[in-house]
Amino acid sequence: MKKALIFWMITFFVIPTINAQVKKIMITKIPVAEDAFVQGGQTADEMMGITEVKKLRIGNSRGDTKYSRITYLKFDLPKKKIKNISAISLNIPIKVFIRKEDTEKKFELDVYIVKNSRWKENKITWNNKPEVDINIANVSIEQSLDKQSLWQIIELDISEINKLINQKKRKITLALTNMRSNKTSAICSSRETAGSASYLSIESTESM
């Protein structure tokens, strides 16, 4: 009886361990390939990707004034398809401008998928910008009271962005917007600023 019990315990604990698959977590970092912001009002035809190369502004994206701004980010995906994706995040340095009359207000950042990736950073304007399509993230960011940019890690909706991750075009465009405007605004550094370019971080698993 004692020997039978020992055999049962070995069988119960050892066999599942042998059959279990060991999975390796892979992190793929994809730097932004093109970025620019667009601005409404009298500057609706101005190519901000040329006149303000190192700046990416966001604010009051539902409006149509010179303070209405949307930032566009384009990423070139690797030629080899990424499988078994478990998480996708946008990593970007953001500074929220201070509103002295109300420093408690937070900047509402809304991230959208843009299905049209044919735009160019030196040609995009408010008047020719591609339309935003699907909302994949919403975050509230505190004002930068120290006036410094802070890296934000923004988790994206996998179910939506995963539909584009393995497409033939191998490009993804994201729009950074402020659809829920409360008179706050923000600025990011563009890819032309050393060490401050935004990037996608894609977590996937691989069986070993």
N, C-alpha and C. Protein backbone atom coordinates (compact mmCIF):
# COMPACT_ATOMS: atom_id res chain seq x y z
N MET A 1 0.83 -1.21 0.00
CA MET A 1 0.00 0.00 0.00
C MET A 1 0.86 1.26 0.00
N LYS A 2 1.92 1.24 0.80
CA LYS A 2 2.82 2.40 0.88
C LYS A 2 3.52 2.64 -0.44
N LYS A 3 3.98 1.55 -1.11
CA LYS A 3 4.65 1.69 -2.40
C LYS A 3 3.70 2.23 -3.46
N ALA A 4 2.45 1.77 -3.41
CA ALA A 4 1.45 2.24 -4.37
C ALA A 4 1.19 3.72 -4.20
N LEU A 5 1.15 4.20 -2.95
CA LEU A 5 0.91 5.62 -2.68
C LEU A 5 2.06 6.46 -3.19
N ILE A 6 3.30 5.99 -3.00
CA ILE A 6 4.48 6.72 -3.49
C ILE A 6 4.45 6.81 -5.00
N PHE A 7 4.10 5.70 -5.67
CA PHE A 7 4.03 5.69 -7.15
C PHE A 7 2.98 6.69 -7.63
N TRP A 8 1.83 6.72 -6.94
CA TRP A 8 0.75 7.64 -7.34
C TRP A 8 1.19 9.10 -7.21
N MET A 9 1.92 9.41 -6.14
CA MET A 9 2.40 10.78 -5.92
C MET A 9 3.40 11.18 -6.98
N ILE A 10 4.31 10.28 -7.36
CA ILE A 10 5.31 10.58 -8.39
C ILE A 10 4.61 10.81 -9.72
N THR A 11 3.64 9.94 -10.04
CA THR A 11 2.90 10.05 -11.30
C THR A 11 2.14 11.37 -11.37
N PHE A 12 1.50 11.75 -10.27
CA PHE A 12 0.67 12.95 -10.23
C PHE A 12 1.49 14.23 -10.39
N PHE A 13 2.66 14.28 -9.76
CA PHE A 13 3.44 15.51 -9.75
C PHE A 13 4.44 15.61 -10.90
N VAL A 14 4.96 14.48 -11.36
CA VAL A 14 6.02 14.52 -12.35
C VAL A 14 5.50 14.59 -13.77
N ILE A 15 4.50 13.81 -14.12
CA ILE A 15 4.03 13.73 -15.50
C ILE A 15 3.56 15.07 -16.04
N PRO A 16 2.74 15.86 -15.29
CA PRO A 16 2.35 17.17 -15.83
C PRO A 16 3.54 18.08 -16.10
N THR A 17 4.59 17.96 -15.29
CA THR A 17 5.79 18.78 -15.49
C THR A 17 6.48 18.43 -16.80
N ILE A 18 6.52 17.14 -17.11
CA ILE A 18 7.14 16.69 -18.35
C ILE A 18 6.36 17.17 -19.56
N ASN A 19 5.03 17.17 -19.46
CA ASN A 19 4.18 17.52 -20.59
C ASN A 19 4.03 19.04 -20.77
N ALA A 20 4.31 19.78 -19.71
CA ALA A 20 4.10 21.24 -19.79
C ALA A 20 5.10 21.87 -20.76
N GLN A 21 4.62 22.84 -21.56
CA GLN A 21 5.48 23.56 -22.48
C GLN A 21 6.08 24.78 -21.81
N VAL A 22 7.36 24.98 -22.02
CA VAL A 22 8.03 26.17 -21.51
C VAL A 22 7.93 27.26 -22.57
N LYS A 23 7.42 28.42 -22.19
CA LYS A 23 7.25 29.50 -23.16
C LYS A 23 8.19 30.66 -22.86
N LYS A 24 8.79 31.18 -23.91
CA LYS A 24 9.72 32.29 -23.80
C LYS A 24 9.01 33.58 -24.17
N ILE A 25 9.15 34.59 -23.34
CA ILE A 25 8.53 35.89 -23.62
C ILE A 25 9.47 36.71 -24.48
N MET A 26 8.96 37.19 -25.61
CA MET A 26 9.75 37.99 -26.55
C MET A 26 9.23 39.43 -26.54
N ILE A 27 10.13 40.41 -26.54
CA ILE A 27 9.75 41.82 -26.62
C ILE A 27 10.32 42.40 -27.91
N THR A 28 9.44 42.91 -28.77
CA THR A 28 9.86 43.53 -30.02
C THR A 28 9.62 45.03 -29.93
N LYS A 29 10.68 45.81 -30.09
CA LYS A 29 10.57 47.27 -30.05
C LYS A 29 10.60 47.81 -31.48
N ILE A 30 9.58 48.61 -31.82
CA ILE A 30 9.49 49.16 -33.17
C ILE A 30 9.51 50.69 -33.07
N PRO A 31 10.60 51.33 -33.48
CA PRO A 31 10.68 52.79 -33.40
C PRO A 31 9.78 53.46 -34.43
N VAL A 32 9.34 54.66 -34.12
CA VAL A 32 8.49 55.40 -35.05
C VAL A 32 9.28 55.71 -36.32
N ALA A 33 8.65 55.53 -37.47
CA ALA A 33 9.31 55.77 -38.76
C ALA A 33 9.05 57.19 -39.26
N GLU A 34 7.83 57.69 -39.02
CA GLU A 34 7.46 59.06 -39.40
C GLU A 34 6.53 59.61 -38.33
N ASP A 35 6.65 60.90 -38.03
CA ASP A 35 5.73 61.53 -37.09
C ASP A 35 5.59 63.02 -37.41
N ALA A 36 4.42 63.54 -37.13
CA ALA A 36 4.13 64.96 -37.36
C ALA A 36 2.80 65.29 -36.71
N PHE A 37 2.61 66.57 -36.41
CA PHE A 37 1.29 66.99 -35.93
C PHE A 37 0.68 67.93 -36.95
N VAL A 38 -0.66 68.03 -36.90
CA VAL A 38 -1.39 68.94 -37.78
C VAL A 38 -2.16 69.91 -36.91
N GLN A 39 -2.47 71.07 -37.47
CA GLN A 39 -3.06 72.15 -36.69
C GLN A 39 -4.10 72.89 -37.54
N GLY A 40 -5.24 73.19 -36.93
CA GLY A 40 -6.34 73.83 -37.66
C GLY A 40 -6.19 75.34 -37.78
N GLY A 41 -7.33 76.00 -38.00
CA GLY A 41 -7.34 77.46 -38.12
C GLY A 41 -6.62 77.96 -39.35
N GLN A 42 -5.91 79.07 -39.22
CA GLN A 42 -5.18 79.67 -40.34
C GLN A 42 -3.99 78.82 -40.77
N THR A 43 -3.62 77.85 -39.94
CA THR A 43 -2.48 76.98 -40.26
C THR A 43 -2.94 75.62 -40.79
N ALA A 44 -4.19 75.52 -41.21
CA ALA A 44 -4.75 74.24 -41.65
C ALA A 44 -4.05 73.65 -42.86
N ASP A 45 -3.40 74.51 -43.66
CA ASP A 45 -2.66 74.04 -44.84
C ASP A 45 -1.15 74.01 -44.60
N GLU A 46 -0.75 74.33 -43.39
CA GLU A 46 0.69 74.37 -43.09
C GLU A 46 1.21 72.98 -42.75
N MET A 47 2.37 72.62 -43.31
CA MET A 47 2.99 71.33 -43.05
C MET A 47 3.86 71.46 -41.80
N MET A 48 3.28 71.15 -40.65
CA MET A 48 3.97 71.32 -39.38
C MET A 48 5.16 70.36 -39.26
N GLY A 49 5.14 69.28 -40.04
CA GLY A 49 6.27 68.35 -40.05
C GLY A 49 7.52 68.96 -40.66
N ILE A 50 7.36 70.14 -41.29
CA ILE A 50 8.50 70.87 -41.83
C ILE A 50 8.81 72.09 -40.98
N THR A 51 7.77 72.84 -40.62
CA THR A 51 7.98 74.09 -39.90
C THR A 51 8.28 73.88 -38.41
N GLU A 52 7.77 72.78 -37.84
CA GLU A 52 8.05 72.47 -36.42
C GLU A 52 8.47 71.01 -36.31
N VAL A 53 9.63 70.74 -36.87
CA VAL A 53 10.11 69.37 -37.04
C VAL A 53 10.21 68.59 -35.73
N LYS A 54 10.68 69.23 -34.66
CA LYS A 54 10.97 68.50 -33.42
C LYS A 54 9.81 68.49 -32.42
N LYS A 55 8.64 68.98 -32.84
CA LYS A 55 7.51 69.07 -31.91
C LYS A 55 6.32 68.25 -32.39
N LEU A 56 5.63 67.64 -31.44
CA LEU A 56 4.39 66.92 -31.70
C LEU A 56 3.37 67.43 -30.69
N ARG A 57 2.43 68.24 -31.16
CA ARG A 57 1.47 68.86 -30.26
C ARG A 57 0.11 68.15 -30.32
N ILE A 58 -0.59 68.17 -29.19
CA ILE A 58 -1.91 67.54 -29.09
C ILE A 58 -2.82 68.45 -28.27
N GLY A 59 -4.02 68.70 -28.77
CA GLY A 59 -4.96 69.53 -28.01
C GLY A 59 -6.26 69.80 -28.74
N ASN A 60 -7.37 69.76 -28.04
CA ASN A 60 -8.69 70.13 -28.55
C ASN A 60 -8.91 69.59 -29.97
N SER A 61 -8.79 68.28 -30.12
CA SER A 61 -8.80 67.67 -31.45
C SER A 61 -10.16 67.70 -32.14
N ARG A 62 -11.23 68.01 -31.41
CA ARG A 62 -12.55 68.09 -32.03
C ARG A 62 -12.80 69.48 -32.64
N GLY A 63 -11.96 70.43 -32.33
CA GLY A 63 -12.16 71.80 -32.82
C GLY A 63 -11.59 71.99 -34.21
N ASP A 64 -11.50 73.25 -34.63
CA ASP A 64 -10.94 73.58 -35.94
C ASP A 64 -10.28 74.96 -35.87
N THR A 65 -9.50 75.17 -34.81
CA THR A 65 -8.81 76.44 -34.63
C THR A 65 -7.30 76.19 -34.63
N LYS A 66 -6.52 77.24 -34.45
CA LYS A 66 -5.07 77.06 -34.41
C LYS A 66 -4.61 76.30 -33.17
N TYR A 67 -5.54 76.08 -32.24
CA TYR A 67 -5.22 75.29 -31.05
C TYR A 67 -5.74 73.87 -31.16
N SER A 68 -6.30 73.53 -32.32
CA SER A 68 -6.78 72.17 -32.56
C SER A 68 -5.65 71.36 -33.19
N ARG A 69 -5.19 70.34 -32.48
CA ARG A 69 -3.99 69.63 -32.92
C ARG A 69 -4.13 68.12 -32.75
N ILE A 70 -3.61 67.39 -33.73
CA ILE A 70 -3.56 65.93 -33.70
C ILE A 70 -2.16 65.49 -34.11
N THR A 71 -1.61 64.54 -33.41
CA THR A 71 -0.29 64.00 -33.76
C THR A 71 -0.46 62.64 -34.43
N TYR A 72 0.29 62.44 -35.51
CA TYR A 72 0.26 61.17 -36.25
C TYR A 72 1.61 60.46 -36.11
N LEU A 73 1.55 59.15 -35.86
CA LEU A 73 2.74 58.32 -35.72
C LEU A 73 2.63 57.14 -36.68
N LYS A 74 3.67 56.92 -37.47
CA LYS A 74 3.67 55.77 -38.39
C LYS A 74 4.81 54.82 -38.02
N PHE A 75 4.49 53.52 -37.98
CA PHE A 75 5.46 52.50 -37.63
C PHE A 75 5.59 51.48 -38.76
N ASP A 76 6.83 51.15 -39.12
CA ASP A 76 7.10 50.11 -40.11
C ASP A 76 7.29 48.79 -39.38
N LEU A 77 6.43 47.83 -39.64
CA LEU A 77 6.51 46.55 -38.95
C LEU A 77 7.62 45.69 -39.53
N PRO A 78 8.19 44.80 -38.73
CA PRO A 78 9.25 43.91 -39.25
C PRO A 78 8.70 43.00 -40.33
N LYS A 79 9.56 42.57 -41.24
CA LYS A 79 9.12 41.71 -42.35
C LYS A 79 8.59 40.38 -41.84
N LYS A 80 9.22 39.86 -40.79
CA LYS A 80 8.75 38.60 -40.21
C LYS A 80 7.54 38.86 -39.33
N LYS A 81 6.46 38.13 -39.56
CA LYS A 81 5.24 38.33 -38.81
C LYS A 81 5.42 37.97 -37.34
N ILE A 82 4.79 38.74 -36.49
CA ILE A 82 4.86 38.50 -35.04
C ILE A 82 3.65 37.67 -34.63
N LYS A 83 3.90 36.53 -33.99
CA LYS A 83 2.82 35.62 -33.61
C LYS A 83 2.65 35.59 -32.09
N ASN A 84 1.48 35.12 -31.67
CA ASN A 84 1.17 34.92 -30.25
C ASN A 84 1.38 36.20 -29.43
N ILE A 85 0.81 37.30 -29.90
CA ILE A 85 0.95 38.59 -29.21
C ILE A 85 0.10 38.61 -27.95
N SER A 86 0.71 39.00 -26.84
CA SER A 86 -0.02 39.04 -25.57
C SER A 86 -0.23 40.46 -25.05
N ALA A 87 0.58 41.42 -25.54
CA ALA A 87 0.43 42.81 -25.09
C ALA A 87 1.11 43.75 -26.08
N ILE A 88 0.51 44.94 -26.25
CA ILE A 88 1.09 45.97 -27.12
C ILE A 88 0.98 47.30 -26.38
N SER A 89 2.08 48.03 -26.34
CA SER A 89 2.05 49.33 -25.67
C SER A 89 2.74 50.39 -26.53
N LEU A 90 2.27 51.62 -26.40
CA LEU A 90 2.91 52.77 -27.03
C LEU A 90 3.73 53.47 -25.97
N ASN A 91 5.00 53.68 -26.25
CA ASN A 91 5.91 54.34 -25.31
C ASN A 91 6.29 55.70 -25.90
N ILE A 92 5.96 56.76 -25.16
CA ILE A 92 6.19 58.10 -25.71
C ILE A 92 6.40 59.11 -24.58
N PRO A 93 7.33 60.06 -24.76
CA PRO A 93 7.55 61.09 -23.74
C PRO A 93 6.56 62.24 -23.93
N ILE A 94 5.83 62.59 -22.89
CA ILE A 94 4.79 63.62 -22.99
C ILE A 94 4.97 64.67 -21.88
N LYS A 95 4.79 65.92 -22.26
CA LYS A 95 4.75 67.00 -21.28
C LYS A 95 3.39 67.68 -21.39
N VAL A 96 2.68 67.75 -20.28
CA VAL A 96 1.38 68.42 -20.24
C VAL A 96 1.59 69.84 -19.72
N PHE A 97 1.14 70.80 -20.50
CA PHE A 97 1.34 72.20 -20.10
C PHE A 97 0.56 72.55 -18.84
N ILE A 98 1.14 73.42 -18.03
CA ILE A 98 0.55 73.81 -16.74
C ILE A 98 -0.56 74.84 -16.95
N ARG A 99 -1.69 74.60 -16.31
CA ARG A 99 -2.77 75.60 -16.25
C ARG A 99 -2.78 76.16 -14.82
N LYS A 100 -2.23 77.35 -14.66
CA LYS A 100 -2.05 77.92 -13.33
C LYS A 100 -3.35 78.07 -12.56
N GLU A 101 -4.44 78.30 -13.29
CA GLU A 101 -5.72 78.48 -12.62
C GLU A 101 -6.31 77.17 -12.12
N ASP A 102 -5.79 76.04 -12.62
CA ASP A 102 -6.30 74.74 -12.18
C ASP A 102 -5.26 73.66 -12.47
N THR A 103 -4.33 73.48 -11.55
CA THR A 103 -3.23 72.52 -11.77
C THR A 103 -3.67 71.08 -11.52
N GLU A 104 -4.91 70.89 -11.05
CA GLU A 104 -5.40 69.54 -10.79
C GLU A 104 -5.98 68.89 -12.04
N LYS A 105 -6.27 69.67 -13.05
CA LYS A 105 -6.85 69.11 -14.28
C LYS A 105 -5.85 68.18 -14.95
N LYS A 106 -6.38 67.09 -15.52
CA LYS A 106 -5.53 66.14 -16.22
C LYS A 106 -5.78 66.22 -17.73
N PHE A 107 -4.72 65.94 -18.48
CA PHE A 107 -4.84 65.92 -19.94
C PHE A 107 -5.40 64.57 -20.37
N GLU A 108 -6.45 64.62 -21.18
CA GLU A 108 -7.12 63.40 -21.63
C GLU A 108 -6.58 63.01 -23.01
N LEU A 109 -5.77 61.97 -23.04
CA LEU A 109 -5.17 61.50 -24.28
C LEU A 109 -5.96 60.32 -24.82
N ASP A 110 -6.37 60.43 -26.08
CA ASP A 110 -7.10 59.36 -26.75
C ASP A 110 -6.27 58.88 -27.94
N VAL A 111 -6.02 57.57 -28.00
CA VAL A 111 -5.23 57.00 -29.08
C VAL A 111 -6.15 56.27 -30.05
N TYR A 112 -5.98 56.57 -31.33
CA TYR A 112 -6.81 55.96 -32.37
C TYR A 112 -5.96 55.23 -33.41
N ILE A 113 -6.52 54.18 -33.97
CA ILE A 113 -5.95 53.56 -35.16
C ILE A 113 -6.34 54.40 -36.36
N VAL A 114 -5.40 54.55 -37.30
CA VAL A 114 -5.68 55.22 -38.57
C VAL A 114 -5.38 54.20 -39.67
N LYS A 115 -6.40 53.80 -40.40
CA LYS A 115 -6.22 52.74 -41.40
C LYS A 115 -5.43 53.20 -42.62
N ASN A 116 -5.44 54.49 -42.88
CA ASN A 116 -4.71 55.04 -44.03
C ASN A 116 -3.30 55.45 -43.60
N SER A 117 -2.31 54.73 -44.09
CA SER A 117 -0.91 55.03 -43.74
C SER A 117 -0.14 55.64 -44.92
N ARG A 118 -0.86 56.22 -45.86
CA ARG A 118 -0.19 56.75 -47.06
C ARG A 118 0.32 58.18 -46.88
N TRP A 119 0.13 58.77 -45.71
CA TRP A 119 0.56 60.14 -45.47
C TRP A 119 2.10 60.21 -45.28
N LYS A 120 2.64 61.41 -45.51
CA LYS A 120 4.07 61.66 -45.32
C LYS A 120 4.24 62.80 -44.31
N GLU A 121 5.25 62.67 -43.45
CA GLU A 121 5.42 63.66 -42.39
C GLU A 121 5.74 65.06 -42.91
N ASN A 122 6.29 65.16 -44.13
CA ASN A 122 6.61 66.47 -44.69
C ASN A 122 5.52 67.02 -45.62
N LYS A 123 4.37 66.32 -45.64
CA LYS A 123 3.27 66.76 -46.50
C LYS A 123 1.92 66.83 -45.79
N ILE A 124 1.80 66.17 -44.66
CA ILE A 124 0.51 66.11 -43.97
C ILE A 124 0.13 67.46 -43.38
N THR A 125 -1.15 67.83 -43.53
CA THR A 125 -1.70 69.07 -42.96
C THR A 125 -3.05 68.76 -42.33
N TRP A 126 -3.61 69.75 -41.65
CA TRP A 126 -4.95 69.58 -41.07
C TRP A 126 -5.98 69.29 -42.16
N ASN A 127 -5.82 69.92 -43.31
CA ASN A 127 -6.82 69.79 -44.38
C ASN A 127 -6.70 68.49 -45.18
N ASN A 128 -5.52 67.85 -45.17
CA ASN A 128 -5.40 66.60 -45.93
C ASN A 128 -5.13 65.38 -45.05
N LYS A 129 -5.26 65.55 -43.75
CA LYS A 129 -4.96 64.47 -42.80
C LYS A 129 -5.90 63.28 -43.00
N PRO A 130 -5.42 62.06 -42.78
CA PRO A 130 -6.31 60.89 -42.82
C PRO A 130 -7.22 60.88 -41.61
N GLU A 131 -8.41 60.33 -41.78
CA GLU A 131 -9.38 60.29 -40.69
C GLU A 131 -8.97 59.25 -39.64
N VAL A 132 -9.26 59.56 -38.39
CA VAL A 132 -9.02 58.57 -37.33
C VAL A 132 -10.15 57.55 -37.37
N ASP A 133 -9.85 56.31 -36.98
CA ASP A 133 -10.84 55.25 -37.15
C ASP A 133 -11.36 54.64 -35.85
N ILE A 134 -10.49 53.93 -35.13
CA ILE A 134 -10.95 53.16 -33.97
C ILE A 134 -10.17 53.56 -32.73
N ASN A 135 -10.89 53.86 -31.66
CA ASN A 135 -10.24 54.22 -30.40
C ASN A 135 -9.68 52.97 -29.73
N ILE A 136 -8.38 53.00 -29.37
CA ILE A 136 -7.75 51.83 -28.77
C ILE A 136 -7.12 52.10 -27.41
N ALA A 137 -7.19 53.35 -26.94
CA ALA A 137 -6.66 53.65 -25.60
C ALA A 137 -7.12 55.03 -25.17
N ASN A 138 -7.37 55.18 -23.86
CA ASN A 138 -7.71 56.47 -23.26
C ASN A 138 -6.99 56.56 -21.92
N VAL A 139 -6.20 57.60 -21.76
CA VAL A 139 -5.46 57.77 -20.51
C VAL A 139 -5.54 59.22 -20.04
N SER A 140 -5.49 59.40 -18.73
CA SER A 140 -5.48 60.73 -18.13
C SER A 140 -4.07 60.99 -17.58
N ILE A 141 -3.48 62.11 -18.00
CA ILE A 141 -2.09 62.40 -17.63
C ILE A 141 -2.02 63.70 -16.83
N GLU A 142 -1.35 63.67 -15.72
CA GLU A 142 -1.23 64.85 -14.86
C GLU A 142 -0.38 65.93 -15.51
N GLN A 143 -0.62 67.17 -15.13
CA GLN A 143 0.16 68.28 -15.65
C GLN A 143 1.62 68.15 -15.20
N SER A 144 2.52 68.59 -16.06
CA SER A 144 3.96 68.47 -15.78
C SER A 144 4.41 69.68 -14.96
N LEU A 145 4.18 69.60 -13.65
CA LEU A 145 4.48 70.73 -12.78
C LEU A 145 5.97 71.05 -12.72
N ASP A 146 6.81 70.05 -13.03
CA ASP A 146 8.26 70.30 -13.08
C ASP A 146 8.71 70.72 -14.48
N LYS A 147 7.73 70.85 -15.39
CA LYS A 147 7.97 71.29 -16.78
C LYS A 147 8.86 70.34 -17.56
N GLN A 148 8.87 69.07 -17.14
CA GLN A 148 9.68 68.06 -17.81
C GLN A 148 8.78 67.01 -18.46
N SER A 149 9.24 66.46 -19.58
CA SER A 149 8.52 65.37 -20.22
C SER A 149 8.68 64.10 -19.40
N LEU A 150 7.66 63.28 -19.42
CA LEU A 150 7.69 62.02 -18.69
C LEU A 150 7.27 60.90 -19.64
N TRP A 151 8.05 59.83 -19.66
CA TRP A 151 7.70 58.70 -20.53
C TRP A 151 6.41 58.05 -20.06
N GLN A 152 5.50 57.87 -20.99
CA GLN A 152 4.24 57.21 -20.72
C GLN A 152 4.21 55.86 -21.44
N ILE A 153 3.75 54.84 -20.73
CA ILE A 153 3.55 53.52 -21.33
C ILE A 153 2.05 53.32 -21.44
N ILE A 154 1.55 53.35 -22.67
CA ILE A 154 0.10 53.31 -22.91
C ILE A 154 -0.28 51.96 -23.49
N GLU A 155 -1.03 51.19 -22.72
CA GLU A 155 -1.47 49.88 -23.18
C GLU A 155 -2.55 50.03 -24.24
N LEU A 156 -2.36 49.36 -25.37
CA LEU A 156 -3.28 49.46 -26.49
C LEU A 156 -4.20 48.24 -26.55
N ASP A 157 -5.37 48.43 -27.14
CA ASP A 157 -6.36 47.37 -27.29
C ASP A 157 -5.84 46.33 -28.29
N ILE A 158 -5.48 45.16 -27.80
CA ILE A 158 -4.89 44.13 -28.66
C ILE A 158 -5.87 43.67 -29.73
N SER A 159 -7.13 43.49 -29.35
CA SER A 159 -8.11 42.92 -30.28
C SER A 159 -8.24 43.75 -31.55
N GLU A 160 -8.08 45.06 -31.45
CA GLU A 160 -8.21 45.93 -32.62
C GLU A 160 -6.90 46.08 -33.38
N ILE A 161 -5.83 46.38 -32.67
CA ILE A 161 -4.56 46.63 -33.35
C ILE A 161 -3.95 45.33 -33.91
N ASN A 162 -4.31 44.20 -33.33
CA ASN A 162 -3.79 42.92 -33.81
C ASN A 162 -4.29 42.60 -35.21
N LYS A 163 -5.42 43.21 -35.58
CA LYS A 163 -5.96 43.01 -36.93
C LYS A 163 -5.05 43.62 -37.99
N LEU A 164 -4.25 44.62 -37.59
CA LEU A 164 -3.36 45.30 -38.53
C LEU A 164 -1.91 44.83 -38.42
N ILE A 165 -1.60 44.14 -37.33
CA ILE A 165 -0.19 43.85 -37.04
C ILE A 165 0.45 42.93 -38.07
N ASN A 166 -0.33 42.05 -38.68
CA ASN A 166 0.22 41.11 -39.66
C ASN A 166 -0.33 41.32 -41.06
N GLN A 167 -0.76 42.53 -41.35
CA GLN A 167 -1.27 42.83 -42.68
C GLN A 167 -0.13 42.93 -43.70
N LYS A 168 -0.47 42.87 -44.97
CA LYS A 168 0.54 42.87 -46.03
C LYS A 168 1.28 44.21 -46.12
N LYS A 169 0.61 45.31 -45.79
CA LYS A 169 1.23 46.63 -45.93
C LYS A 169 2.39 46.84 -44.96
N ARG A 170 2.38 46.11 -43.84
CA ARG A 170 3.44 46.17 -42.85
C ARG A 170 3.65 47.56 -42.26
N LYS A 171 2.58 48.31 -42.16
CA LYS A 171 2.64 49.66 -41.56
C LYS A 171 1.44 49.84 -40.62
N ILE A 172 1.67 50.61 -39.57
CA ILE A 172 0.60 50.97 -38.63
C ILE A 172 0.67 52.47 -38.36
N THR A 173 -0.46 53.14 -38.42
CA THR A 173 -0.53 54.56 -38.06
C THR A 173 -1.42 54.73 -36.83
N LEU A 174 -0.92 55.49 -35.87
CA LEU A 174 -1.70 55.84 -34.68
C LEU A 174 -1.87 57.35 -34.64
N ALA A 175 -3.02 57.78 -34.15
CA ALA A 175 -3.27 59.21 -33.97
C ALA A 175 -3.40 59.50 -32.48
N LEU A 176 -2.66 60.50 -32.00
CA LEU A 176 -2.78 60.95 -30.61
C LEU A 176 -3.68 62.16 -30.60
N THR A 177 -4.82 62.03 -29.94
CA THR A 177 -5.83 63.08 -29.98
C THR A 177 -6.24 63.50 -28.57
N ASN A 178 -6.97 64.60 -28.52
CA ASN A 178 -7.54 65.12 -27.27
C ASN A 178 -9.02 65.40 -27.54
N MET A 179 -9.77 64.32 -27.73
CA MET A 179 -11.20 64.43 -28.05
C MET A 179 -12.01 64.92 -26.85
N ARG A 180 -11.55 64.59 -25.64
CA ARG A 180 -12.25 65.00 -24.41
C ARG A 180 -11.59 66.25 -23.85
N SER A 181 -11.61 67.30 -24.63
CA SER A 181 -10.86 68.51 -24.29
C SER A 181 -11.40 69.21 -23.05
N ASN A 182 -10.49 69.63 -22.17
CA ASN A 182 -10.85 70.41 -20.98
C ASN A 182 -9.88 71.59 -20.81
N LYS A 183 -9.44 72.10 -21.97
CA LYS A 183 -8.53 73.26 -22.04
C LYS A 183 -7.12 72.95 -21.55
N THR A 184 -6.76 71.66 -21.54
CA THR A 184 -5.37 71.29 -21.32
C THR A 184 -4.78 70.87 -22.67
N SER A 185 -3.46 70.89 -22.76
CA SER A 185 -2.80 70.47 -24.00
C SER A 185 -1.45 69.86 -23.66
N ALA A 186 -0.87 69.18 -24.65
CA ALA A 186 0.39 68.47 -24.39
C ALA A 186 1.31 68.55 -25.59
N ILE A 187 2.56 68.22 -25.34
CA ILE A 187 3.57 68.22 -26.40
C ILE A 187 4.48 67.01 -26.21
N CYS A 188 4.91 66.42 -27.32
CA CYS A 188 5.85 65.29 -27.30
C CYS A 188 7.04 65.63 -28.18
N SER A 189 8.12 64.95 -27.97
CA SER A 189 9.29 65.11 -28.83
C SER A 189 9.13 64.21 -30.06
N SER A 190 9.56 64.70 -31.21
CA SER A 190 9.47 63.91 -32.43
C SER A 190 10.69 63.01 -32.57
N ARG A 191 10.71 62.21 -33.61
CA ARG A 191 11.81 61.27 -33.83
C ARG A 191 13.13 61.98 -34.12
N GLU A 192 13.06 63.26 -34.48
CA GLU A 192 14.29 64.02 -34.75
C GLU A 192 15.03 64.40 -33.47
N THR A 193 14.40 64.20 -32.33
CA THR A 193 15.03 64.51 -31.05
C THR A 193 15.72 63.25 -30.51
N ALA A 194 17.00 63.28 -30.40
CA ALA A 194 17.78 62.11 -29.98
C ALA A 194 17.32 61.56 -28.64
N GLY A 195 17.07 60.26 -28.60
CA GLY A 195 16.70 59.59 -27.36
C GLY A 195 15.26 59.78 -26.93
N SER A 196 14.46 60.49 -27.73
CA SER A 196 13.09 60.78 -27.32
C SER A 196 12.04 60.31 -28.33
N ALA A 197 12.44 59.50 -29.29
CA ALA A 197 11.49 59.02 -30.28
C ALA A 197 10.57 57.97 -29.67
N SER A 198 9.30 58.05 -30.00
CA SER A 198 8.33 57.09 -29.49
C SER A 198 8.55 55.72 -30.14
N TYR A 199 8.02 54.68 -29.51
CA TYR A 199 8.14 53.34 -30.08
C TYR A 199 7.01 52.44 -29.58
N LEU A 200 6.75 51.40 -30.36
CA LEU A 200 5.81 50.37 -29.95
C LEU A 200 6.58 49.25 -29.27
N SER A 201 6.01 48.69 -28.23
CA SER A 201 6.58 47.53 -27.55
C SER A 201 5.57 46.39 -27.68
N ILE A 202 5.97 45.32 -28.36
CA ILE A 202 5.06 44.19 -28.60
C ILE A 202 5.57 42.97 -27.85
N GLU A 203 4.74 42.47 -26.95
CA GLU A 203 5.10 41.28 -26.17
C GLU A 203 4.44 40.06 -26.81
N SER A 204 5.25 39.04 -27.07
CA SER A 204 4.72 37.80 -27.64
C SER A 204 5.37 36.61 -26.94
N THR A 205 4.80 35.43 -27.16
CA THR A 205 5.34 34.23 -26.53
C THR A 205 5.78 33.23 -27.59
N GLU A 206 6.79 32.46 -27.24
CA GLU A 206 7.33 31.45 -28.15
C GLU A 206 7.61 30.19 -27.35
N SER A 207 7.13 29.06 -27.84
CA SER A 207 7.36 27.79 -27.15
C SER A 207 8.80 27.35 -27.31
N MET A 208 9.38 26.82 -26.22
CA MET A 208 10.78 26.37 -26.27
C MET A 208 10.85 24.85 -26.25
